[in-house]
Amino acid sequence: MSIEYLLPNCTLNQQLEVTQPYLALDQVHVTTDGQVAGSLQPEQPMYQEAGGIAASEVGRHLAILGSIALAQRNPKPGRHFYLATSAELVNLQPISDLSRMTLQATATACEFNGKTACSVCEIRTPELGVLYLLNTTYQVLSERLFCRMFAHHRFTEPVVMAGSPYAMVEGLDIERSDDSHCRSRVMTVEPAQCLGHFAEYPSLPVAILMGRLGRVAGHLFLHRRGSPEGRYHVMRGDMQAHQLAFAGERLRFSASIAEVIREGSERFHCTVENEDGVIFGELALTLAQVDSAS
């Protein structure tokens, strides 16, 4: 595939409501066969997840790239919100180290009917081929409709922050954990955690929500093995996002064991909800133990 034309940030900012620093793809372009492609540099902390890029960061970049591919097919002018409502992530090659490899991403817009849309995306390296696949379904809203629907969440105070909040380490504050269930203490979504998602309507990105759920599930997975300092691979994640987590929301993250697949591999059911029990998102997550020699 060769480059048909580039999509610089100034063009993307006219099409999408996602902006920098949450939008962090490089050399985004349309290929001669109609795909959208780009490269990326991992920045999110790995915590105890093994590999060169966190699964939640894979979801972040690929869902954005998928929305860029959809924006090229959108017949309506102006900026739009492409809100991920469901996604399926598959780890095809659990690699321990990607630090010296170039990560390349491609996206194909496979369905667009105006209000909903779908994309199929992948991350690959020249050395190893395809590493991750992501299928994403979106709700598509015009800027005008979104602002009307969520006017009560508008936040216009300036947020000043050095660097990207998505590259910073946040502690995992576990409130309760046993052999079958784990949950965090309540956290409040702050505007500074949502930079680039979205201007004047800060909401914690779905990929970040799912990343925190994954860490809670990982804590439970390692606890069940009596190996709190161990590591794990995220093999598969199936997520459902029910509503946006705007700044000011107070959220709790929890995970429960759903199935023992085989020795060293388990599936978890995870939820993020507010203090009133309203569920914002759900995640079915499959984790696999990393051998201590890896």
Protein backbone atom coordinates (compact mmCIF):
# COMPACT_ATOMS: atom_id res chain seq x y z
CA MET A 1 0.00 0.00 0.00
CA SER A 2 1.28 3.46 -0.86
CA ILE A 3 0.18 6.89 0.32
CA GLU A 4 -2.64 8.50 -1.63
CA TYR A 5 -2.68 11.67 0.50
CA LEU A 6 -1.83 12.79 4.02
CA LEU A 7 -4.33 13.83 6.69
CA PRO A 8 -2.55 16.46 8.81
CA ASN A 9 -3.86 17.40 12.25
CA CYS A 10 -5.40 20.60 10.88
CA THR A 11 -7.59 18.47 8.60
CA LEU A 12 -8.46 15.99 11.34
CA ASN A 13 -9.44 18.83 13.68
CA GLN A 14 -12.02 19.90 11.09
CA GLN A 15 -13.53 16.39 10.98
CA LEU A 16 -13.30 15.03 14.54
CA GLU A 17 -14.02 16.24 18.05
CA VAL A 18 -11.09 14.19 19.39
CA THR A 19 -7.97 16.37 19.51
CA GLN A 20 -4.43 16.33 20.89
CA PRO A 21 -3.13 14.99 23.24
CA TYR A 22 -5.67 12.14 23.16
CA LEU A 23 -5.22 12.03 19.40
CA ALA A 24 -1.59 10.95 19.18
CA LEU A 25 -1.19 9.21 15.82
CA ASP A 26 1.65 10.10 13.44
CA GLN A 27 1.72 10.32 9.65
CA VAL A 28 -2.01 9.65 9.26
CA HIS A 29 -2.82 9.12 5.61
CA VAL A 30 -5.23 7.53 3.15
CA THR A 31 -3.74 4.65 1.19
CA THR A 32 -4.24 3.91 -2.48
CA ASP A 33 -6.63 1.07 -1.59
CA GLY A 34 -8.84 3.33 0.53
CA GLN A 35 -7.65 2.44 4.03
CA VAL A 36 -6.51 4.98 6.60
CA ALA A 37 -3.12 4.29 8.14
CA GLY A 38 -0.69 5.81 10.61
CA SER A 39 2.05 5.03 13.09
CA LEU A 40 2.09 5.32 16.86
CA GLN A 41 4.42 5.47 19.84
CA PRO A 42 3.15 3.86 23.07
CA GLU A 43 2.93 6.25 26.01
CA GLN A 44 0.54 4.72 28.55
CA PRO A 45 2.06 2.95 31.56
CA MET A 46 1.98 -0.84 31.38
CA TYR A 47 1.67 -1.50 35.13
CA GLN A 48 1.74 -5.32 35.37
CA GLU A 49 0.46 -6.00 31.87
CA ALA A 50 3.07 -7.69 29.70
CA GLY A 51 3.96 -6.53 26.21
CA GLY A 52 5.16 -3.39 24.52
CA ILE A 53 1.81 -1.59 24.48
CA ALA A 54 -1.17 -1.73 26.84
CA ALA A 55 -4.33 -3.29 25.40
CA SER A 56 -6.31 -0.19 26.39
CA GLU A 57 -3.88 1.97 24.41
CA VAL A 58 -4.31 -0.31 21.41
CA GLY A 59 -8.05 0.31 21.75
CA ARG A 60 -7.48 4.04 22.07
CA HIS A 61 -5.42 4.49 18.91
CA LEU A 62 -7.34 2.03 16.75
CA ALA A 63 -10.76 3.40 17.72
CA ILE A 64 -9.54 6.90 16.82
CA LEU A 65 -8.06 5.69 13.54
CA GLY A 66 -11.34 3.92 12.78
CA SER A 67 -13.23 7.17 13.36
CA ILE A 68 -10.83 8.93 10.97
CA ALA A 69 -11.59 6.31 8.31
CA LEU A 70 -15.32 6.85 8.87
CA ALA A 71 -14.92 10.62 8.68
CA GLN A 72 -13.56 10.24 5.14
CA ARG A 73 -16.85 8.52 4.17
CA ASN A 74 -19.17 10.88 6.03
CA PRO A 75 -21.18 12.78 3.41
CA LYS A 76 -22.18 15.48 5.90
CA PRO A 77 -19.80 18.43 6.36
CA GLY A 78 -18.45 19.64 9.67
CA ARG A 79 -17.09 17.99 12.77
CA HIS A 80 -18.71 14.92 14.25
CA PHE A 81 -18.47 12.87 17.41
CA TYR A 82 -17.73 9.19 16.81
CA LEU A 83 -18.62 7.60 20.15
CA ALA A 84 -17.45 4.00 20.55
CA THR A 85 -20.37 1.97 21.92
CA SER A 86 -18.92 -1.53 21.56
CA ALA A 87 -15.64 -3.11 20.55
CA GLU A 88 -13.88 -6.46 20.28
CA LEU A 89 -10.10 -6.54 20.76
CA VAL A 90 -8.04 -9.66 20.02
CA ASN A 91 -4.35 -10.11 20.84
CA LEU A 92 -3.00 -12.39 18.09
CA GLN A 93 0.62 -12.48 19.25
CA PRO A 94 1.35 -11.87 22.96
CA ILE A 95 4.80 -10.31 22.64
CA SER A 96 6.94 -9.41 25.65
CA ASP A 97 8.91 -6.54 24.09
CA LEU A 98 8.08 -4.20 21.21
CA SER A 99 10.44 -1.42 22.21
CA ARG A 100 12.61 -1.56 19.07
CA MET A 101 9.79 -2.10 16.60
CA THR A 102 7.71 0.36 14.58
CA LEU A 103 4.01 0.03 15.31
CA GLN A 104 1.84 0.61 12.26
CA ALA A 105 -1.95 0.87 12.32
CA THR A 106 -4.57 0.59 9.58
CA ALA A 107 -8.33 1.14 9.62
CA THR A 108 -11.14 0.28 7.24
CA ALA A 109 -14.59 1.86 7.40
CA CYS A 110 -16.85 -1.15 6.83
CA GLU A 111 -20.29 0.33 7.52
CA PHE A 112 -21.75 3.84 7.75
CA ASN A 113 -25.49 4.47 7.85
CA GLY A 114 -25.52 7.99 9.27
CA LYS A 115 -26.28 7.34 12.94
CA THR A 116 -24.13 4.26 13.51
CA ALA A 117 -20.90 3.09 11.93
CA CYS A 118 -18.32 0.30 12.17
CA SER A 119 -14.60 0.00 11.57
CA VAL A 120 -12.08 -2.83 11.41
CA CYS A 121 -8.55 -1.96 12.49
CA GLU A 122 -5.22 -3.63 13.17
CA ILE A 123 -1.77 -2.97 14.57
CA ARG A 124 1.21 -4.64 12.98
CA THR A 125 4.99 -4.46 12.83
CA PRO A 126 7.14 -5.11 9.74
CA GLU A 127 8.91 -7.87 11.65
CA LEU A 128 5.94 -9.78 13.10
CA GLY A 129 2.88 -8.90 11.03
CA VAL A 130 -0.51 -8.32 12.65
CA LEU A 131 -0.47 -8.17 16.47
CA TYR A 132 -3.92 -6.83 17.37
CA LEU A 133 -7.34 -6.66 15.73
CA LEU A 134 -10.11 -4.30 16.80
CA ASN A 135 -13.71 -4.18 15.56
CA THR A 136 -15.55 -1.07 16.77
CA THR A 137 -19.15 0.16 16.53
CA TYR A 138 -19.82 3.88 16.94
CA GLN A 139 -22.71 6.23 17.49
CA VAL A 140 -22.24 9.21 15.17
CA LEU A 141 -23.45 12.62 16.33
CA SER A 142 -23.07 15.99 14.68
CA GLU A 143 -21.38 18.68 16.74
CA ARG A 144 -24.66 20.60 17.00
CA LEU A 145 -26.64 17.58 18.21
CA PHE A 146 -24.00 16.54 20.75
CA CYS A 147 -23.82 20.04 22.23
CA ARG A 148 -27.60 20.17 22.53
CA MET A 149 -27.82 16.72 24.17
CA PHE A 150 -25.05 17.35 26.70
CA ALA A 151 -25.30 21.11 27.27
CA HIS A 152 -25.49 20.56 31.06
CA HIS A 153 -21.98 19.01 30.99
CA ARG A 154 -20.32 21.98 29.28
CA PHE A 155 -17.12 23.09 31.02
CA THR A 156 -15.37 26.21 29.75
CA GLU A 157 -12.74 26.86 32.43
CA PRO A 158 -9.17 26.54 31.08
CA VAL A 159 -7.27 23.38 32.01
CA VAL A 160 -3.50 23.81 32.16
CA MET A 161 -1.37 20.69 32.33
CA ALA A 162 2.24 19.89 31.46
CA GLY A 163 2.42 16.85 29.22
CA SER A 164 -0.18 14.25 28.39
CA PRO A 165 -2.35 12.86 31.20
CA TYR A 166 -2.42 9.58 29.28
CA ALA A 167 1.31 9.06 29.90
CA MET A 168 1.10 9.45 33.66
CA VAL A 169 1.05 6.77 36.33
CA GLU A 170 -2.03 6.63 38.54
CA GLY A 171 -2.22 4.42 41.60
CA LEU A 172 -4.82 1.65 41.72
CA ASP A 173 -6.79 2.20 44.92
CA ILE A 174 -8.36 -1.17 45.75
CA GLU A 175 -11.16 -1.07 48.31
CA ARG A 176 -11.94 -4.77 48.55
CA SER A 177 -10.58 -7.99 47.05
CA ASP A 178 -11.15 -11.70 47.60
CA ASP A 179 -10.70 -14.79 45.43
CA SER A 180 -13.66 -14.02 43.16
CA HIS A 181 -14.24 -10.26 43.21
CA CYS A 182 -12.26 -7.02 43.33
CA ARG A 183 -13.37 -3.39 43.35
CA SER A 184 -11.73 0.01 43.57
CA ARG A 185 -12.57 2.97 45.71
CA VAL A 186 -14.65 5.70 44.11
CA MET A 187 -12.74 8.12 41.88
CA THR A 188 -13.91 11.51 40.61
CA VAL A 189 -13.36 12.28 36.94
CA GLU A 190 -11.33 15.50 36.66
CA PRO A 191 -11.20 17.71 33.54
CA ALA A 192 -7.41 17.40 33.41
CA GLN A 193 -7.78 13.62 32.92
CA CYS A 194 -9.78 14.17 29.73
CA LEU A 195 -7.63 16.53 27.64
CA GLY A 196 -8.55 16.23 23.97
CA HIS A 197 -11.75 14.30 24.75
CA PHE A 198 -13.63 16.62 24.29
CA ALA A 199 -13.14 20.41 24.09
CA GLU A 200 -15.61 22.10 26.51
CA TYR A 201 -17.21 18.71 27.24
CA PRO A 202 -14.48 16.78 29.07
CA SER A 203 -15.27 13.10 29.45
CA LEU A 204 -12.97 10.25 30.38
CA PRO A 205 -12.25 8.27 27.18
CA VAL A 206 -13.77 4.79 26.95
CA ALA A 207 -10.31 3.31 26.41
CA ILE A 208 -9.11 4.83 29.69
CA LEU A 209 -12.19 3.53 31.52
CA MET A 210 -11.54 0.06 30.10
CA GLY A 211 -7.87 0.31 30.98
CA ARG A 212 -8.74 0.90 34.63
CA LEU A 213 -11.16 -2.03 34.54
CA GLY A 214 -8.37 -4.15 33.08
CA ARG A 215 -6.05 -3.22 35.92
CA VAL A 216 -8.68 -4.19 38.50
CA ALA A 217 -9.17 -7.52 36.72
CA GLY A 218 -5.40 -7.96 36.54
CA HIS A 219 -5.12 -7.35 40.28
CA LEU A 220 -7.73 -10.07 40.89
CA PHE A 221 -6.07 -12.44 38.41
CA LEU A 222 -2.69 -12.16 40.15
CA HIS A 223 -4.28 -12.31 43.61
CA ARG A 224 -5.92 -15.61 42.68
CA ARG A 225 -2.47 -16.93 41.80
CA GLY A 226 -0.77 -15.69 44.95
CA SER A 227 1.54 -13.69 42.69
CA PRO A 228 0.89 -9.98 43.35
CA GLU A 229 4.12 -8.99 41.56
CA GLY A 230 3.44 -11.19 38.52
CA ARG A 231 2.48 -10.15 35.00
CA TYR A 232 -0.24 -11.07 32.55
CA HIS A 233 -1.23 -10.73 28.90
CA VAL A 234 -4.58 -9.32 27.81
CA MET A 235 -5.71 -11.85 25.21
CA ARG A 236 -9.19 -10.56 24.42
CA GLY A 237 -11.53 -7.78 25.46
CA ASP A 238 -15.19 -7.27 24.56
CA MET A 239 -16.53 -3.94 25.77
CA GLN A 240 -19.88 -2.17 25.91
CA ALA A 241 -20.01 1.58 26.63
CA HIS A 242 -23.44 2.70 27.84
CA GLN A 243 -22.85 6.39 28.51
CA LEU A 244 -20.14 9.04 28.70
CA ALA A 245 -18.27 9.64 31.96
CA PHE A 246 -18.17 13.44 32.07
CA ALA A 247 -16.02 15.46 34.47
CA GLY A 248 -17.50 15.39 37.95
CA GLU A 249 -18.79 11.82 37.74
CA ARG A 250 -17.84 9.59 40.69
CA LEU A 251 -17.06 6.09 39.48
CA ARG A 252 -16.20 2.69 40.94
CA PHE A 253 -14.47 -0.10 38.97
CA SER A 254 -15.03 -3.78 39.74
CA ALA A 255 -14.14 -7.20 38.34
CA SER A 256 -15.40 -10.72 39.04
CA ILE A 257 -14.16 -14.10 37.86
CA ALA A 258 -16.46 -15.41 35.11
CA GLU A 259 -14.72 -18.52 33.80
CA VAL A 260 -11.53 -20.53 34.20
CA ILE A 261 -10.66 -21.26 30.58
CA ARG A 262 -7.62 -23.42 31.29
CA GLU A 263 -4.64 -23.41 33.60
CA GLY A 264 -3.21 -19.90 33.59
CA SER A 265 -6.04 -18.33 31.58
CA GLU A 266 -9.26 -16.83 32.97
CA ARG A 267 -12.13 -14.63 31.84
CA PHE A 268 -13.47 -11.76 33.96
CA HIS A 269 -16.63 -9.67 33.91
CA CYS A 270 -15.90 -6.03 34.73
CA THR A 271 -18.16 -3.03 35.29
CA VAL A 272 -17.74 0.68 35.91
CA GLU A 273 -20.64 2.37 37.66
CA ASN A 274 -21.42 5.47 39.67
CA GLU A 275 -22.43 5.64 43.33
CA ASP A 276 -26.10 5.22 42.38
CA GLY A 277 -25.36 1.92 40.63
CA VAL A 278 -25.77 3.31 37.10
CA ILE A 279 -23.51 1.27 34.82
CA PHE A 280 -21.34 3.30 32.44
CA GLY A 281 -19.50 0.42 30.81
CA GLU A 282 -18.88 -3.31 30.86
CA LEU A 283 -15.92 -5.41 29.81
CA ALA A 284 -15.44 -9.15 29.31
CA LEU A 285 -11.69 -9.66 29.61
CA THR A 286 -9.53 -12.73 29.04
CA LEU A 287 -6.14 -12.74 30.78
CA ALA A 288 -3.27 -15.19 30.51
CA GLN A 289 -0.44 -15.71 32.94
CA VAL A 290 3.10 -14.78 31.84
CA ASP A 291 5.68 -17.42 32.60
CA SER A 292 8.23 -16.17 35.11
CA ALA A 293 11.01 -16.95 32.64
CA SER A 294 9.54 -14.58 30.01
